[in-house]
Amino acid sequence: MDRFARLVSRLLHTPVAFVSLVEADRQILPGLVGLPEPWAGSRALPLSHALCRYVVASGQPLVVPDARADKRLGAHPAITDLGVIAYAGMPLPNTDGLVLGSLCAIDHQPRAWEPGELSDLEDLAAACSAELRLRVLSAKSWSAQQVLETARAAAEHARSDAQRLEQQARAGMDHAELLLRAAEEPAQT
């Protein structure tokens, strides 16, 4: 995911770029470049600082040349704490179309985003989204494999237990037959 952030930063010539996944209580940053501490080290931002939540909520790109002049964002903490002035974020949908986060480009100065830049960001977001989907499928596959291996181990254990019980039952039958014969011998005598 850091590669996607580096590509965005390099192609769009922005000092900050990141892959953002929005959770209920925070924004996770699996890929980032240019974000200051302490956020870079924690790879997370509080939702109060997340412009990406607007992309997640709408499912649409958010392109802002100057966040200070935008009605929704004028007093946003990301402006003062992170230096976000220009922002461009593209949605990252999962296989069901649910937007999980965004691929973001951030500049510390006002900026008129060029159509070619936004097109590049959109293309990178599509590739990033595909990578995220592959990771989710891989995790599901691994999880299913673990369940299968656990089921196989349980079946092997059950088969082993069944064989042991069968041997105990045979031994019990042999013992019962022996006792029966022992009881019949004196009766015949």
C-alpha atoms as a PDB file:
ATOM      1  CA  MET A   1       0.000   0.000   0.000  1.00  0.00           C
ATOM      2  CA  ASP A   2       2.982   2.313   0.552  1.00  0.00           C
ATOM      3  CA  ARG A   3       3.763   1.879  -3.150  1.00  0.00           C
ATOM      4  CA  PHE A   4       0.380   3.284  -4.119  1.00  0.00           C
ATOM      5  CA  ALA A   5       0.959   6.273  -1.842  1.00  0.00           C
ATOM      6  CA  ARG A   6       4.427   6.847  -3.344  1.00  0.00           C
ATOM      7  CA  LEU A   7       3.014   6.612  -6.874  1.00  0.00           C
ATOM      8  CA  VAL A   8       0.312   9.155  -6.074  1.00  0.00           C
ATOM      9  CA  SER A   9       2.842  11.519  -4.532  1.00  0.00           C
ATOM     10  CA  ARG A  10       5.237  11.167  -7.462  1.00  0.00           C
ATOM     11  CA  LEU A  11       2.647  11.368 -10.283  1.00  0.00           C
ATOM     12  CA  LEU A  12       0.651  14.228  -8.798  1.00  0.00           C
ATOM     13  CA  HIS A  13       3.642  15.994  -7.224  1.00  0.00           C
ATOM     14  CA  THR A  14       2.093  16.181  -3.765  1.00  0.00           C
ATOM     15  CA  PRO A  15       3.955  16.137  -0.456  1.00  0.00           C
ATOM     16  CA  VAL A  16       1.384  13.845   1.174  1.00  0.00           C
ATOM     17  CA  ALA A  17      -0.502  10.832  -0.125  1.00  0.00           C
ATOM     18  CA  PHE A  18      -2.089   7.854   1.542  1.00  0.00           C
ATOM     19  CA  VAL A  19      -4.337   4.844   1.287  1.00  0.00           C
ATOM     20  CA  SER A  20      -7.063   5.318   3.852  1.00  0.00           C
ATOM     21  CA  LEU A  21      -9.485   2.751   5.255  1.00  0.00           C
ATOM     22  CA  VAL A  22     -12.243   4.211   7.413  1.00  0.00           C
ATOM     23  CA  GLU A  23     -13.389   2.257  10.458  1.00  0.00           C
ATOM     24  CA  ALA A  24     -16.128   3.140  12.919  1.00  0.00           C
ATOM     25  CA  ASP A  25     -13.773   4.978  15.282  1.00  0.00           C
ATOM     26  CA  ARG A  26     -10.652   5.814  13.250  1.00  0.00           C
ATOM     27  CA  GLN A  27      -8.980   6.025   9.886  1.00  0.00           C
ATOM     28  CA  ILE A  28      -6.321   3.358   9.201  1.00  0.00           C
ATOM     29  CA  LEU A  29      -3.473   4.252   6.832  1.00  0.00           C
ATOM     30  CA  PRO A  30      -1.972   1.043   5.390  1.00  0.00           C
ATOM     31  CA  GLY A  31      -0.044   3.111   2.848  1.00  0.00           C
ATOM     32  CA  LEU A  32       1.331   6.598   3.346  1.00  0.00           C
ATOM     33  CA  VAL A  33       3.994   9.062   2.385  1.00  0.00           C
ATOM     34  CA  GLY A  34       4.722  12.524   3.801  1.00  0.00           C
ATOM     35  CA  LEU A  35       2.452  12.395   6.851  1.00  0.00           C
ATOM     36  CA  PRO A  36       4.058  13.911   9.982  1.00  0.00           C
ATOM     37  CA  GLU A  37       4.440  12.211  13.358  1.00  0.00           C
ATOM     38  CA  PRO A  38       2.720  11.011  15.457  1.00  0.00           C
ATOM     39  CA  TRP A  39       0.324   9.867  12.743  1.00  0.00           C
ATOM     40  CA  ALA A  40       2.940   8.354  10.452  1.00  0.00           C
ATOM     41  CA  GLY A  41       4.173   6.052  13.223  1.00  0.00           C
ATOM     42  CA  SER A  42       0.703   4.962  14.315  1.00  0.00           C
ATOM     43  CA  ARG A  43      -0.561   4.711  10.714  1.00  0.00           C
ATOM     44  CA  ALA A  44      -3.901   5.991  11.917  1.00  0.00           C
ATOM     45  CA  LEU A  45      -5.834   9.228  12.256  1.00  0.00           C
ATOM     46  CA  PRO A  46      -8.836  10.027  14.405  1.00  0.00           C
ATOM     47  CA  LEU A  47     -12.078  10.361  12.437  1.00  0.00           C
ATOM     48  CA  SER A  48     -12.114  14.040  13.348  1.00  0.00           C
ATOM     49  CA  HIS A  49      -9.123  14.466  10.978  1.00  0.00           C
ATOM     50  CA  ALA A  50     -10.431  12.218   8.203  1.00  0.00           C
ATOM     51  CA  LEU A  51     -11.493  13.946   5.006  1.00  0.00           C
ATOM     52  CA  CYS A  52     -11.718  10.449   3.551  1.00  0.00           C
ATOM     53  CA  ARG A  53     -14.908   9.813   5.488  1.00  0.00           C
ATOM     54  CA  TYR A  54     -16.683  12.166   3.076  1.00  0.00           C
ATOM     55  CA  VAL A  55     -15.564   9.929   0.201  1.00  0.00           C
ATOM     56  CA  VAL A  56     -16.742   6.822   2.075  1.00  0.00           C
ATOM     57  CA  ALA A  57     -20.095   8.383   2.959  1.00  0.00           C
ATOM     58  CA  SER A  58     -20.847   9.599  -0.562  1.00  0.00           C
ATOM     59  CA  GLY A  59     -19.081   6.864  -2.535  1.00  0.00           C
ATOM     60  CA  GLN A  60     -17.852   9.659  -4.815  1.00  0.00           C
ATOM     61  CA  PRO A  61     -14.496  11.390  -5.298  1.00  0.00           C
ATOM     62  CA  LEU A  62     -13.841  14.469  -3.210  1.00  0.00           C
ATOM     63  CA  VAL A  63     -11.746  17.122  -4.937  1.00  0.00           C
ATOM     64  CA  VAL A  64     -11.068  20.349  -3.055  1.00  0.00           C
ATOM     65  CA  PRO A  65      -8.676  23.028  -4.380  1.00  0.00           C
ATOM     66  CA  ASP A  66      -8.600  24.905  -1.044  1.00  0.00           C
ATOM     67  CA  ALA A  67     -10.183  23.280   2.006  1.00  0.00           C
ATOM     68  CA  ARG A  68     -10.111  26.576   3.898  1.00  0.00           C
ATOM     69  CA  ALA A  69     -12.575  28.052   1.380  1.00  0.00           C
ATOM     70  CA  ASP A  70     -14.883  24.998   1.323  1.00  0.00           C
ATOM     71  CA  LYS A  71     -18.096  25.362   3.400  1.00  0.00           C
ATOM     72  CA  ARG A  72     -17.937  21.785   4.722  1.00  0.00           C
ATOM     73  CA  LEU A  73     -14.237  21.822   5.524  1.00  0.00           C
ATOM     74  CA  GLY A  74     -13.329  25.394   6.466  1.00  0.00           C
ATOM     75  CA  ALA A  75     -12.901  24.616  10.174  1.00  0.00           C
ATOM     76  CA  HIS A  76     -11.750  21.018   9.751  1.00  0.00           C
ATOM     77  CA  PRO A  77      -8.963  19.926  12.159  1.00  0.00           C
ATOM     78  CA  ALA A  78      -7.039  18.384   9.243  1.00  0.00           C
ATOM     79  CA  ILE A  79      -6.309  21.909   7.984  1.00  0.00           C
ATOM     80  CA  THR A  80      -4.637  23.109  11.167  1.00  0.00           C
ATOM     81  CA  ASP A  81      -3.143  19.823  12.457  1.00  0.00           C
ATOM     82  CA  LEU A  82      -2.069  18.185   9.175  1.00  0.00           C
ATOM     83  CA  GLY A  83      -1.682  21.169   6.868  1.00  0.00           C
ATOM     84  CA  VAL A  84      -4.306  19.890   4.432  1.00  0.00           C
ATOM     85  CA  ILE A  85      -5.145  22.660   1.996  1.00  0.00           C
ATOM     86  CA  ALA A  86      -5.738  20.936  -1.359  1.00  0.00           C
ATOM     87  CA  TYR A  87      -7.286  17.465  -1.240  1.00  0.00           C
ATOM     88  CA  ALA A  88      -8.208  14.876  -3.864  1.00  0.00           C
ATOM     89  CA  GLY A  89      -9.591  11.516  -2.750  1.00  0.00           C
ATOM     90  CA  MET A  90     -10.907   8.643  -4.872  1.00  0.00           C
ATOM     91  CA  PRO A  91     -13.124   5.881  -3.456  1.00  0.00           C
ATOM     92  CA  LEU A  92     -11.820   2.360  -2.807  1.00  0.00           C
ATOM     93  CA  PRO A  93     -14.828   0.016  -3.135  1.00  0.00           C
ATOM     94  CA  ASN A  94     -14.892  -3.661  -2.165  1.00  0.00           C
ATOM     95  CA  THR A  95     -16.354  -6.420  -4.376  1.00  0.00           C
ATOM     96  CA  ASP A  96     -19.887  -5.507  -3.249  1.00  0.00           C
ATOM     97  CA  GLY A  97     -19.443  -1.834  -4.143  1.00  0.00           C
ATOM     98  CA  LEU A  98     -19.178  -0.729  -0.509  1.00  0.00           C
ATOM     99  CA  VAL A  99     -16.570   2.039  -0.214  1.00  0.00           C
ATOM    100  CA  LEU A 100     -13.992   1.104   2.432  1.00  0.00           C
ATOM    101  CA  GLY A 101     -11.760   4.144   2.136  1.00  0.00           C
ATOM    102  CA  SER A 102      -9.977   6.324  -0.357  1.00  0.00           C
ATOM    103  CA  LEU A 103      -6.722   6.944  -2.147  1.00  0.00           C
ATOM    104  CA  CYS A 104      -5.773  10.518  -1.273  1.00  0.00           C
ATOM    105  CA  ALA A 105      -3.456  13.216  -2.564  1.00  0.00           C
ATOM    106  CA  ILE A 106      -2.815  16.209  -0.319  1.00  0.00           C
ATOM    107  CA  ASP A 107      -1.026  19.486  -0.897  1.00  0.00           C
ATOM    108  CA  HIS A 108      -0.143  22.149   1.661  1.00  0.00           C
ATOM    109  CA  GLN A 109      -0.990  24.924  -0.813  1.00  0.00           C
ATOM    110  CA  PRO A 110      -4.118  25.751  -2.803  1.00  0.00           C
ATOM    111  CA  ARG A 111      -4.162  23.791  -6.016  1.00  0.00           C
ATOM    112  CA  ALA A 112      -6.336  23.484  -9.104  1.00  0.00           C
ATOM    113  CA  TRP A 113      -6.338  19.736  -9.743  1.00  0.00           C
ATOM    114  CA  GLU A 114      -5.766  19.014 -13.444  1.00  0.00           C
ATOM    115  CA  PRO A 115      -8.114  16.542 -15.208  1.00  0.00           C
ATOM    116  CA  GLY A 116      -5.098  14.354 -16.093  1.00  0.00           C
ATOM    117  CA  GLU A 117      -4.027  14.248 -12.452  1.00  0.00           C
ATOM    118  CA  LEU A 118      -7.504  13.234 -11.335  1.00  0.00           C
ATOM    119  CA  SER A 119      -7.617  10.593 -14.068  1.00  0.00           C
ATOM    120  CA  ASP A 120      -4.266   9.191 -12.861  1.00  0.00           C
ATOM    121  CA  LEU A 121      -5.512   9.192  -9.275  1.00  0.00           C
ATOM    122  CA  GLU A 122      -8.685   7.412 -10.350  1.00  0.00           C
ATOM    123  CA  ASP A 123      -6.662   4.748 -12.219  1.00  0.00           C
ATOM    124  CA  LEU A 124      -4.388   4.215  -9.235  1.00  0.00           C
ATOM    125  CA  ALA A 125      -7.437   3.977  -6.956  1.00  0.00           C
ATOM    126  CA  ALA A 126      -8.888   1.246  -9.196  1.00  0.00           C
ATOM    127  CA  ALA A 127      -5.613  -0.705  -8.983  1.00  0.00           C
ATOM    128  CA  CYS A 128      -5.387  -0.137  -5.235  1.00  0.00           C
ATOM    129  CA  SER A 129      -8.989  -1.280  -4.796  1.00  0.00           C
ATOM    130  CA  ALA A 130      -8.247  -4.446  -6.786  1.00  0.00           C
ATOM    131  CA  GLU A 131      -5.238  -5.135  -4.547  1.00  0.00           C
ATOM    132  CA  LEU A 132      -7.376  -4.676  -1.430  1.00  0.00           C
ATOM    133  CA  ARG A 133      -9.977  -7.081  -2.838  1.00  0.00           C
ATOM    134  CA  LEU A 134      -7.263  -9.657  -3.528  1.00  0.00           C
ATOM    135  CA  ARG A 135      -6.012  -9.327   0.029  1.00  0.00           C
ATOM    136  CA  VAL A 136      -9.512  -9.830   1.406  1.00  0.00           C
ATOM    137  CA  LEU A 137     -10.042 -12.890  -0.805  1.00  0.00           C
ATOM    138  CA  SER A 138      -6.658 -14.243   0.210  1.00  0.00           C
ATOM    139  CA  ALA A 139      -7.502 -13.782   3.888  1.00  0.00           C
ATOM    140  CA  LYS A 140     -10.852 -15.517   3.384  1.00  0.00           C
ATOM    141  CA  SER A 141      -9.138 -18.345   1.526  1.00  0.00           C
ATOM    142  CA  TRP A 142      -6.567 -18.719   4.292  1.00  0.00           C
ATOM    143  CA  SER A 143      -9.349 -18.700   6.888  1.00  0.00           C
ATOM    144  CA  ALA A 144     -11.295 -21.350   4.956  1.00  0.00           C
ATOM    145  CA  GLN A 145      -8.131 -23.442   4.674  1.00  0.00           C
ATOM    146  CA  GLN A 146      -7.623 -23.203   8.433  1.00  0.00           C
ATOM    147  CA  VAL A 147     -11.219 -24.331   9.027  1.00  0.00           C
ATOM    148  CA  LEU A 148     -10.717 -27.228   6.611  1.00  0.00           C
ATOM    149  CA  GLU A 149      -7.484 -28.286   8.320  1.00  0.00           C
ATOM    150  CA  THR A 150      -9.183 -28.106  11.716  1.00  0.00           C
ATOM    151  CA  ALA A 151     -12.079 -30.196  10.391  1.00  0.00           C
ATOM    152  CA  ARG A 152      -9.661 -32.757   8.953  1.00  0.00           C
ATOM    153  CA  ALA A 153      -7.795 -32.980  12.254  1.00  0.00           C
ATOM    154  CA  ALA A 154     -11.085 -33.395  14.124  1.00  0.00           C
ATOM    155  CA  ALA A 155     -12.197 -36.104  11.681  1.00  0.00           C
ATOM    156  CA  GLU A 156      -8.869 -37.930  12.095  1.00  0.00           C
ATOM    157  CA  HIS A 157      -9.192 -37.694  15.859  1.00  0.00           C
ATOM    158  CA  ALA A 158     -12.779 -38.975  15.677  1.00  0.00           C
ATOM    159  CA  ARG A 159     -11.697 -41.875  13.423  1.00  0.00           C
ATOM    160  CA  SER A 160      -8.896 -42.735  15.859  1.00  0.00           C
ATOM    161  CA  ASP A 161     -11.358 -42.619  18.758  1.00  0.00           C
ATOM    162  CA  ALA A 162     -13.797 -44.816  16.811  1.00  0.00           C
ATOM    163  CA  GLN A 163     -11.068 -47.391  16.114  1.00  0.00           C
ATOM    164  CA  ARG A 164     -10.050 -47.408  19.787  1.00  0.00           C
ATOM    165  CA  LEU A 165     -13.673 -47.835  20.876  1.00  0.00           C
ATOM    166  CA  GLU A 166     -14.142 -50.602  18.312  1.00  0.00           C
ATOM    167  CA  GLN A 167     -11.085 -52.443  19.720  1.00  0.00           C
ATOM    168  CA  GLN A 168     -12.426 -51.995  23.253  1.00  0.00           C
ATOM    169  CA  ALA A 169     -15.817 -53.316  22.132  1.00  0.00           C
ATOM    170  CA  ARG A 170     -14.187 -56.380  20.503  1.00  0.00           C
ATOM    171  CA  ALA A 171     -12.140 -57.015  23.621  1.00  0.00           C
ATOM    172  CA  GLY A 172     -15.305 -56.676  25.682  1.00  0.00           C
ATOM    173  CA  MET A 173     -17.147 -59.103  23.360  1.00  0.00           C
ATOM    174  CA  ASP A 174     -14.242 -61.578  23.532  1.00  0.00           C
ATOM    175  CA  HIS A 175     -14.263 -61.315  27.311  1.00  0.00           C
ATOM    176  CA  ALA A 176     -18.035 -61.785  27.433  1.00  0.00           C
ATOM    177  CA  GLU A 177     -17.811 -64.847  25.169  1.00  0.00           C
ATOM    178  CA  LEU A 178     -15.082 -66.281  27.369  1.00  0.00           C
ATOM    179  CA  LEU A 179     -17.215 -65.761  30.463  1.00  0.00           C
ATOM    180  CA  LEU A 180     -20.203 -67.298  28.701  1.00  0.00           C
ATOM    181  CA  ARG A 181     -18.194 -70.394  27.732  1.00  0.00           C
ATOM    182  CA  ALA A 182     -16.802 -70.575  31.251  1.00  0.00           C
ATOM    183  CA  ALA A 183     -20.338 -70.477  32.615  1.00  0.00           C
ATOM    184  CA  GLU A 184     -21.592 -73.092  30.108  1.00  0.00           C
ATOM    185  CA  GLU A 185     -18.793 -75.597  30.888  1.00  0.00           C
ATOM    186  CA  PRO A 186     -19.844 -76.295  34.479  1.00  0.00           C
ATOM    187  CA  ALA A 187     -23.469 -76.473  33.351  1.00  0.00           C
ATOM    188  CA  GLN A 188     -22.653 -79.168  30.784  1.00  0.00           C
ATOM    189  CA  THR A 189     -20.609 -81.025  33.319  1.00  0.00           C
END
